[in-house]
Amino acid sequence: MADPSPLLLRDDADGIATLTLNRPDQRNALSTGLMTALEQALDAIAEDSAVKVVILAGTGPAFSAGHDLREVRADRRREAYEALFAQCSRTMLKIVRLPKPVIARVHGVATAAGCQLVASCDLAVASEAARFATPGVNIGLFCSTPMVALSRNVARKHAMEMLLTGDLIPAERAREIGLVNRVVPAAELEAATRELARQIASKSPLTLAIGKEAFYAQAELDLEAAYAYASEVMTRNMLARDAGEGIDAFLEKRAPQWTGE
């Protein structure tokens, strides 16, 4: 018997790694196997100096419909549920903690944990056909873990409206409330996402890593502590070779040559 298709596809080009969820018949539901594959890919990319930016995409009609509900109901023990949601949280944290920017490329529906996946990415580009929801409330299961990422992307009342109604919102509304950065025609989605990734990949990888870590760290601090932390980060950044090269290149009106140091 032929091996089944891999749950996650990876394609690397021009310093950009594209990870594609590959369970199209299940609307890319986040099974334990798919989350494990995603965790392993992110761990490998974290150590891969050739990769500057990651694009996260999906095959088939949906970006991701969230957790695999058939798998969820197959083992109803408390321990199974604890392990599932711990793994999901770990997967989302790996995206946030990856020292490289991650861009969600959303072509279809992103619901429940699929919406959480979009919110966990650093940036998101959506097709005009994309739609978003946290619909757990409709089946008696409040989207509590998706709520964590969602509420850190959009204002509280917008997040609560999504969580309490479970309604699908269109891509343009998702852009208005801050869940996605850009909305483009479906035919332009891949090119628009790749162009954004290329722009970011042209920057110093060290600077991107420092900046991403600092962005999420300062967001959890009070104002005074955030400034103290950011000042220390700026000092450390200024001492890096790439910062000196970037400033000198600007003053000398030439393109910088990054070394990642």
Protein backbone atom coordinates (compact mmCIF):
# COMPACT_ATOMS: atom_id res chain seq x y z
CA MET A 1 0.00 0.00 0.00
CA ALA A 2 1.30 3.46 -0.90
CA ASP A 3 2.21 5.80 1.94
CA PRO A 4 -0.51 8.33 2.75
CA SER A 5 0.07 11.92 1.78
CA PRO A 6 2.08 13.85 4.37
CA LEU A 7 -0.01 15.87 6.78
CA LEU A 8 2.21 18.91 6.29
CA LEU A 9 4.02 20.00 3.15
CA ARG A 10 7.17 22.13 3.15
CA ASP A 11 8.57 24.10 0.23
CA ASP A 12 11.61 26.37 0.51
CA ALA A 13 12.58 29.11 -1.95
CA ASP A 14 14.34 32.47 -1.68
CA GLY A 15 14.72 32.24 2.09
CA ILE A 16 11.00 31.56 2.55
CA ALA A 17 9.66 28.27 3.91
CA THR A 18 6.02 27.58 3.02
CA LEU A 19 4.31 25.11 5.36
CA THR A 20 1.01 23.83 3.97
CA LEU A 21 -1.59 22.01 6.06
CA ASN A 22 -2.47 18.96 3.98
CA ARG A 23 -5.71 17.39 5.18
CA PRO A 24 -8.01 18.83 2.51
CA ASP A 25 -10.77 16.24 2.95
CA GLN A 26 -10.94 17.10 6.65
CA ARG A 27 -10.74 20.86 5.95
CA ASN A 28 -7.25 20.84 7.46
CA ALA A 29 -8.58 20.02 10.92
CA LEU A 30 -5.79 20.14 13.49
CA SER A 31 -5.40 16.48 14.41
CA THR A 32 -2.70 15.50 16.88
CA GLY A 33 -0.71 14.16 13.94
CA LEU A 34 -0.91 17.43 12.03
CA MET A 35 0.02 19.48 15.10
CA THR A 36 2.97 17.18 15.74
CA ALA A 37 4.13 17.62 12.15
CA LEU A 38 3.79 21.39 12.47
CA GLU A 39 5.74 21.43 15.74
CA GLN A 40 8.53 19.38 14.20
CA ALA A 41 8.70 21.63 11.14
CA LEU A 42 8.87 24.77 13.28
CA ASP A 43 11.63 23.26 15.41
CA ALA A 44 13.62 22.44 12.28
CA ILE A 45 13.09 25.91 10.80
CA ALA A 46 14.19 27.56 14.04
CA GLU A 47 17.63 25.99 13.47
CA ASP A 48 17.73 26.56 9.70
CA SER A 49 19.69 29.72 8.95
CA ALA A 50 18.62 29.59 5.29
CA VAL A 51 15.01 30.34 6.25
CA LYS A 52 14.21 33.98 6.94
CA VAL A 53 10.38 33.96 6.82
CA VAL A 54 7.65 31.31 7.07
CA ILE A 55 4.34 31.24 5.20
CA LEU A 56 1.59 29.05 6.69
CA ALA A 57 -1.07 27.93 4.20
CA GLY A 58 -3.62 25.18 3.61
CA THR A 59 -4.75 22.85 0.83
CA GLY A 60 -8.33 22.28 -0.28
CA PRO A 61 -11.34 24.52 0.32
CA ALA A 62 -10.46 25.63 3.88
CA PHE A 63 -7.47 27.11 5.65
CA SER A 64 -8.37 25.16 8.80
CA ALA A 65 -11.65 24.21 10.44
CA GLY A 66 -10.06 23.87 13.87
CA HIS A 67 -9.76 20.73 15.95
CA ASP A 68 -10.68 17.36 14.46
CA LEU A 69 -13.96 16.78 16.29
CA ARG A 70 -14.11 13.07 15.39
CA GLU A 71 -10.71 12.60 16.97
CA VAL A 72 -11.79 14.69 19.95
CA ARG A 73 -14.78 12.41 20.59
CA ALA A 74 -12.85 9.18 20.04
CA ASP A 75 -11.19 9.34 23.46
CA ARG A 76 -13.34 11.02 26.11
CA ARG A 77 -10.98 10.70 29.04
CA ARG A 78 -9.95 13.85 30.88
CA GLU A 79 -6.30 12.97 30.31
CA ALA A 80 -6.86 12.87 26.55
CA TYR A 81 -8.47 16.30 26.51
CA GLU A 82 -5.71 17.75 28.71
CA ALA A 83 -3.05 16.37 26.34
CA LEU A 84 -4.87 17.67 23.25
CA PHE A 85 -5.25 21.25 24.46
CA ALA A 86 -1.75 21.30 25.92
CA GLN A 87 -0.40 20.26 22.52
CA CYS A 88 -2.49 22.89 20.75
CA SER A 89 -1.22 25.60 23.10
CA ARG A 90 2.36 24.40 22.62
CA THR A 91 1.97 24.53 18.83
CA MET A 92 0.66 28.11 18.92
CA LEU A 93 3.46 29.17 21.27
CA LYS A 94 6.04 27.70 18.89
CA ILE A 95 4.74 30.05 16.20
CA VAL A 96 4.96 33.05 18.51
CA ARG A 97 8.40 32.06 19.80
CA LEU A 98 9.90 31.13 16.45
CA PRO A 99 12.74 33.64 15.82
CA LYS A 100 11.45 34.23 12.31
CA PRO A 101 8.26 36.01 11.16
CA VAL A 102 5.31 33.77 10.27
CA ILE A 103 2.68 34.91 7.76
CA ALA A 104 -0.69 33.16 7.50
CA ARG A 105 -1.95 32.86 3.92
CA VAL A 106 -5.70 32.38 4.33
CA HIS A 107 -7.70 31.32 1.29
CA GLY A 108 -10.85 29.83 2.85
CA VAL A 109 -12.54 29.48 6.22
CA ALA A 110 -10.45 29.66 9.39
CA THR A 111 -12.59 28.62 12.33
CA ALA A 112 -12.06 27.78 16.01
CA ALA A 113 -8.45 26.57 16.40
CA GLY A 114 -7.96 27.46 12.73
CA CYS A 115 -8.80 31.06 13.58
CA GLN A 116 -6.46 30.72 16.56
CA LEU A 117 -3.74 29.63 14.15
CA VAL A 118 -4.21 32.80 12.08
CA ALA A 119 -4.20 34.97 15.20
CA SER A 120 -1.02 33.30 16.43
CA CYS A 121 0.88 34.18 13.25
CA ASP A 122 2.75 37.48 13.18
CA LEU A 123 0.99 38.65 10.03
CA ALA A 124 -1.92 37.43 7.90
CA VAL A 125 -2.91 37.97 4.29
CA ALA A 126 -6.41 36.82 3.35
CA SER A 127 -8.29 36.18 0.16
CA GLU A 128 -11.51 38.12 -0.32
CA ALA A 129 -13.21 34.71 -0.05
CA ALA A 130 -11.76 33.95 3.40
CA ARG A 131 -14.01 33.88 6.44
CA PHE A 132 -13.29 33.64 10.14
CA ALA A 133 -15.17 32.44 13.23
CA THR A 134 -14.84 31.08 16.74
CA PRO A 135 -18.02 28.97 16.61
CA GLY A 136 -17.51 26.68 19.58
CA VAL A 137 -20.37 28.34 21.43
CA ASN A 138 -22.73 26.85 18.81
CA ILE A 139 -21.84 23.28 19.86
CA GLY A 140 -21.56 23.84 23.60
CA LEU A 141 -17.78 24.24 23.65
CA PHE A 142 -16.63 27.83 24.18
CA CYS A 143 -13.51 28.65 22.14
CA SER A 144 -11.41 29.29 25.24
CA THR A 145 -7.97 28.50 23.82
CA PRO A 146 -8.65 30.34 20.52
CA MET A 147 -9.77 33.24 22.73
CA VAL A 148 -6.21 33.69 24.00
CA ALA A 149 -4.76 34.47 20.58
CA LEU A 150 -7.87 36.27 19.33
CA SER A 151 -8.05 38.65 22.30
CA ARG A 152 -4.40 39.58 21.78
CA ASN A 153 -5.12 40.63 18.19
CA VAL A 154 -8.44 42.47 18.29
CA ALA A 155 -10.21 44.78 20.73
CA ARG A 156 -12.14 43.09 23.53
CA LYS A 157 -15.64 43.84 22.30
CA HIS A 158 -14.83 42.58 18.81
CA ALA A 159 -13.33 39.42 20.29
CA MET A 160 -16.30 38.89 22.59
CA GLU A 161 -18.74 39.34 19.73
CA MET A 162 -16.98 36.62 17.74
CA LEU A 163 -16.77 34.33 20.78
CA LEU A 164 -20.36 34.83 21.97
CA THR A 165 -22.12 34.66 18.60
CA GLY A 166 -19.95 32.17 16.72
CA ASP A 167 -20.79 34.05 13.52
CA LEU A 168 -18.57 33.90 10.47
CA ILE A 169 -17.09 37.25 9.55
CA PRO A 170 -15.85 38.14 6.06
CA ALA A 171 -12.21 38.89 5.28
CA GLU A 172 -12.71 42.63 5.05
CA ARG A 173 -14.29 42.71 8.51
CA ALA A 174 -11.38 40.64 9.82
CA ARG A 175 -9.04 43.29 8.41
CA GLU A 176 -11.06 46.10 9.99
CA ILE A 177 -10.79 44.60 13.46
CA GLY A 178 -7.10 43.70 13.13
CA LEU A 179 -7.25 39.93 12.72
CA VAL A 180 -5.59 40.12 9.28
CA ASN A 181 -3.31 42.70 7.72
CA ARG A 182 -4.32 42.62 4.07
CA VAL A 183 -7.19 41.36 1.92
CA VAL A 184 -6.58 40.65 -1.74
CA PRO A 185 -8.44 39.00 -4.64
CA ALA A 186 -8.18 35.21 -4.54
CA ALA A 187 -6.11 35.11 -7.73
CA GLU A 188 -3.53 37.42 -6.15
CA LEU A 189 -3.27 35.77 -2.72
CA GLU A 190 -0.18 33.65 -3.28
CA ALA A 191 1.76 36.40 -5.06
CA ALA A 192 0.78 39.07 -2.52
CA THR A 193 1.80 36.89 0.41
CA ARG A 194 5.10 35.94 -1.18
CA GLU A 195 5.89 39.55 -2.00
CA LEU A 196 5.33 40.52 1.64
CA ALA A 197 7.51 37.59 2.73
CA ARG A 198 10.28 38.62 0.31
CA GLN A 199 10.22 42.18 1.63
CA ILE A 200 10.67 40.96 5.21
CA ALA A 201 13.26 38.35 4.22
CA SER A 202 15.48 41.14 2.84
CA LYS A 203 16.04 42.48 6.37
CA SER A 204 18.70 41.40 8.85
CA PRO A 205 17.69 38.01 10.29
CA LEU A 206 19.20 38.95 13.63
CA THR A 207 17.18 42.16 13.75
CA LEU A 208 13.99 40.28 12.88
CA ALA A 209 14.61 37.76 15.65
CA ILE A 210 15.38 40.45 18.23
CA GLY A 211 12.37 42.50 17.19
CA LYS A 212 9.87 39.67 17.17
CA GLU A 213 10.89 38.45 20.61
CA ALA A 214 10.80 41.98 22.00
CA PHE A 215 7.39 42.75 20.49
CA TYR A 216 5.64 39.91 22.32
CA ALA A 217 7.62 40.32 25.54
CA GLN A 218 6.91 44.05 25.98
CA ALA A 219 3.22 43.58 25.22
CA GLU A 220 2.81 41.65 28.49
CA LEU A 221 4.53 44.33 30.63
CA ASP A 222 3.27 47.55 32.18
CA LEU A 223 4.34 50.79 30.47
CA GLU A 224 7.37 51.58 32.61
CA ALA A 225 8.66 48.01 32.54
CA ALA A 226 8.07 47.85 28.78
CA TYR A 227 10.24 50.93 28.20
CA ALA A 228 12.98 49.60 30.47
CA TYR A 229 12.95 46.26 28.66
CA ALA A 230 12.86 47.88 25.20
CA SER A 231 15.75 50.20 26.08
CA GLU A 232 17.87 47.18 27.01
CA VAL A 233 16.88 45.46 23.76
CA MET A 234 17.80 48.55 21.73
CA THR A 235 21.19 48.71 23.45
CA ARG A 236 21.87 45.04 22.70
CA ASN A 237 20.68 45.51 19.13
CA MET A 238 22.96 48.56 18.63
CA LEU A 239 25.98 46.47 19.62
CA ALA A 240 25.24 43.91 16.90
CA ARG A 241 27.29 43.92 13.71
CA ASP A 242 24.19 44.13 11.51
CA ALA A 243 23.05 47.34 13.21
CA GLY A 244 26.40 48.98 12.55
CA GLU A 245 26.35 47.76 8.97
CA GLY A 246 22.80 48.98 8.44
CA ILE A 247 23.48 52.45 9.78
CA ASP A 248 26.76 52.76 7.84
CA ALA A 249 25.04 51.57 4.65
CA PHE A 250 22.29 54.16 5.12
CA LEU A 251 24.80 56.96 5.66
CA GLU A 252 26.89 55.82 2.69
CA LYS A 253 23.80 55.41 0.49
CA ARG A 254 24.43 51.75 -0.36
CA ALA A 255 22.68 48.43 0.19
CA PRO A 256 23.53 46.73 3.50
CA GLN A 257 25.25 43.36 3.60
CA TRP A 258 23.70 41.38 6.44
CA THR A 259 25.65 38.72 8.28
CA GLY A 260 23.06 37.84 10.92
CA GLU A 261 25.50 38.84 13.67
